[in-house]
Protein backbone atom coordinates (compact mmCIF):
# COMPACT_ATOMS: atom_id res chain seq x y z
CA PHE A 1 -0.18 -0.08 0.14
CA ASN A 2 3.07 2.29 0.80
CA SER A 3 4.47 1.48 -2.80
CA LEU A 4 0.87 2.71 -4.24
CA ARG A 5 0.96 6.17 -2.48
CA THR A 6 4.77 6.76 -3.71
CA SER A 7 3.85 5.85 -7.00
CA ALA A 8 1.02 8.14 -6.99
CA ALA A 9 3.00 10.66 -5.22
CA GLN A 10 5.57 10.56 -8.10
CA LEU A 11 3.17 10.64 -10.67
CA GLN A 12 1.57 13.41 -9.06
CA GLY A 13 5.25 15.14 -9.48
CA ILE A 14 5.47 14.30 -12.93
CA THR A 15 2.34 15.80 -13.73
CA GLN A 16 3.17 18.71 -12.46
CA THR A 17 6.54 18.94 -14.03
CA ALA A 18 4.93 18.23 -17.63
CA SER A 19 2.34 21.08 -16.85
CA ALA A 20 5.05 23.65 -16.22
CA MET A 21 6.86 22.54 -19.25
CA VAL A 22 3.83 22.97 -21.71
CA VAL A 23 3.19 26.50 -20.23
CA ASN A 24 6.93 27.53 -20.86
CA LEU A 25 6.97 26.04 -24.63
CA GLU A 26 3.28 27.94 -24.72
CA GLN A 27 5.23 31.33 -23.77
CA MET A 28 8.32 30.49 -25.81
CA SER A 29 6.27 29.74 -28.77
CA GLU A 30 4.19 33.11 -28.25
CA LYS A 31 7.44 35.19 -28.39
CA LEU A 32 8.51 33.44 -31.96
CA SER A 33 5.00 34.36 -33.45
CA ASP A 34 5.66 38.11 -31.96
CA LYS A 35 7.28 40.25 -34.09
CA ASP A 36 8.10 42.97 -31.31
CA ASN A 37 11.44 41.00 -30.64
CA ALA A 38 14.29 39.95 -32.68
CA VAL A 39 13.92 36.43 -32.98
CA GLY A 40 10.16 36.91 -34.00
CA THR A 41 10.70 39.27 -36.42
CA LEU A 42 13.81 37.14 -38.24
CA THR A 43 11.28 33.95 -38.28
CA ASN A 44 7.96 36.14 -39.36
CA ASP A 45 9.08 38.93 -41.59
CA LYS A 46 10.03 38.20 -44.76
CA GLU A 47 11.29 41.69 -45.57
CA VAL A 48 13.89 41.58 -42.89
CA ALA A 49 15.13 38.18 -43.53
CA ASP A 50 15.28 38.85 -47.23
CA GLU A 51 17.54 42.39 -45.96
CA ILE A 52 19.85 40.12 -44.07
CA ARG A 53 20.74 37.89 -46.55
CA GLN A 54 21.50 40.94 -48.88
CA VAL A 55 23.65 42.38 -45.89
CA ILE A 56 25.38 38.84 -45.84
CA THR A 57 25.60 38.79 -49.76
CA ASN A 58 27.29 42.32 -49.79
CA LEU A 59 29.67 41.48 -46.69
CA ASN A 60 30.94 38.29 -48.89
CA GLU A 61 31.31 40.38 -51.87
CA ALA A 62 33.26 43.06 -49.91
CA SER A 63 35.54 40.59 -48.43
CA LEU A 64 36.26 39.17 -51.69
CA LYS A 65 37.31 42.55 -53.00
CA LEU A 66 39.38 43.61 -50.02
CA ASP A 67 41.29 40.14 -50.62
CA GLU A 68 41.97 41.05 -54.18
CA ASN A 69 42.93 44.68 -52.97
CA MET A 70 45.48 43.09 -50.56
CA GLU A 71 46.79 40.86 -53.20
CA ALA A 72 47.64 43.67 -55.60
CA LEU A 73 48.99 45.75 -52.67
CA GLN A 74 51.49 42.98 -52.05
CA HIS A 75 52.86 43.05 -55.53
CA ASN A 76 52.53 46.76 -55.64
CA PHE A 77 56.61 47.86 -56.11
CA LEU A 78 56.23 50.50 -53.32
CA LEU A 79 54.58 48.07 -50.93
CA ARG A 80 56.43 44.74 -52.02
CA GLY A 81 59.38 45.16 -49.40
CA PHE A 82 57.17 45.47 -46.57
CA PHE A 83 55.08 42.52 -47.00
CA LYS A 84 58.39 40.73 -47.73
CA LYS A 85 59.94 41.57 -44.31
CA LYS A 86 56.61 40.87 -42.46
CA ARG A 87 56.62 37.33 -44.55
CA LYS A 88 59.93 36.79 -43.11
CA ALA A 89 59.15 37.61 -39.69
CA GLU A 90 56.31 35.50 -39.85
CA GLU A 91 58.23 32.40 -40.98
CA LYS A 92 61.15 33.35 -38.29
CA ALA A 93 58.47 33.16 -35.50
CA GLN A 94 57.09 30.23 -37.04
CA LYS A 95 60.51 28.31 -37.13
CA GLU A 96 61.23 29.32 -33.35
CA GLN A 97 57.68 27.99 -32.19
CA GLN A 98 58.47 24.50 -33.74
CA GLN A 99 62.18 24.46 -31.97
CA GLU A 100 60.51 25.36 -28.63
CA GLU A 101 57.98 22.64 -29.16
CA GLN A 102 60.48 20.12 -30.05
CA LEU A 103 62.47 21.07 -26.73
CA GLN A 104 59.32 20.46 -24.73
């Protein structure tokens, strides 16, 4: 008889926990549907989603152009020496780091 009481009490606790979870899920669902917050706007407003896609596209294009410009600058006769010294310094630092790792 005691085990039946214990089981009933545990079942009641599980039911209360499940009810609380359902309430939380309902609240989250309402927030996702509401356009007054960032997540709701992102999930429900097609114009905002399109604008974000365009921003990402623009960022990708700008990044590619920046890479091209940096490559061109490295071959410019005025800046070639700077990039050559920088590359040598990086190689030297990398060799020193490898030597330290080998000693450990």
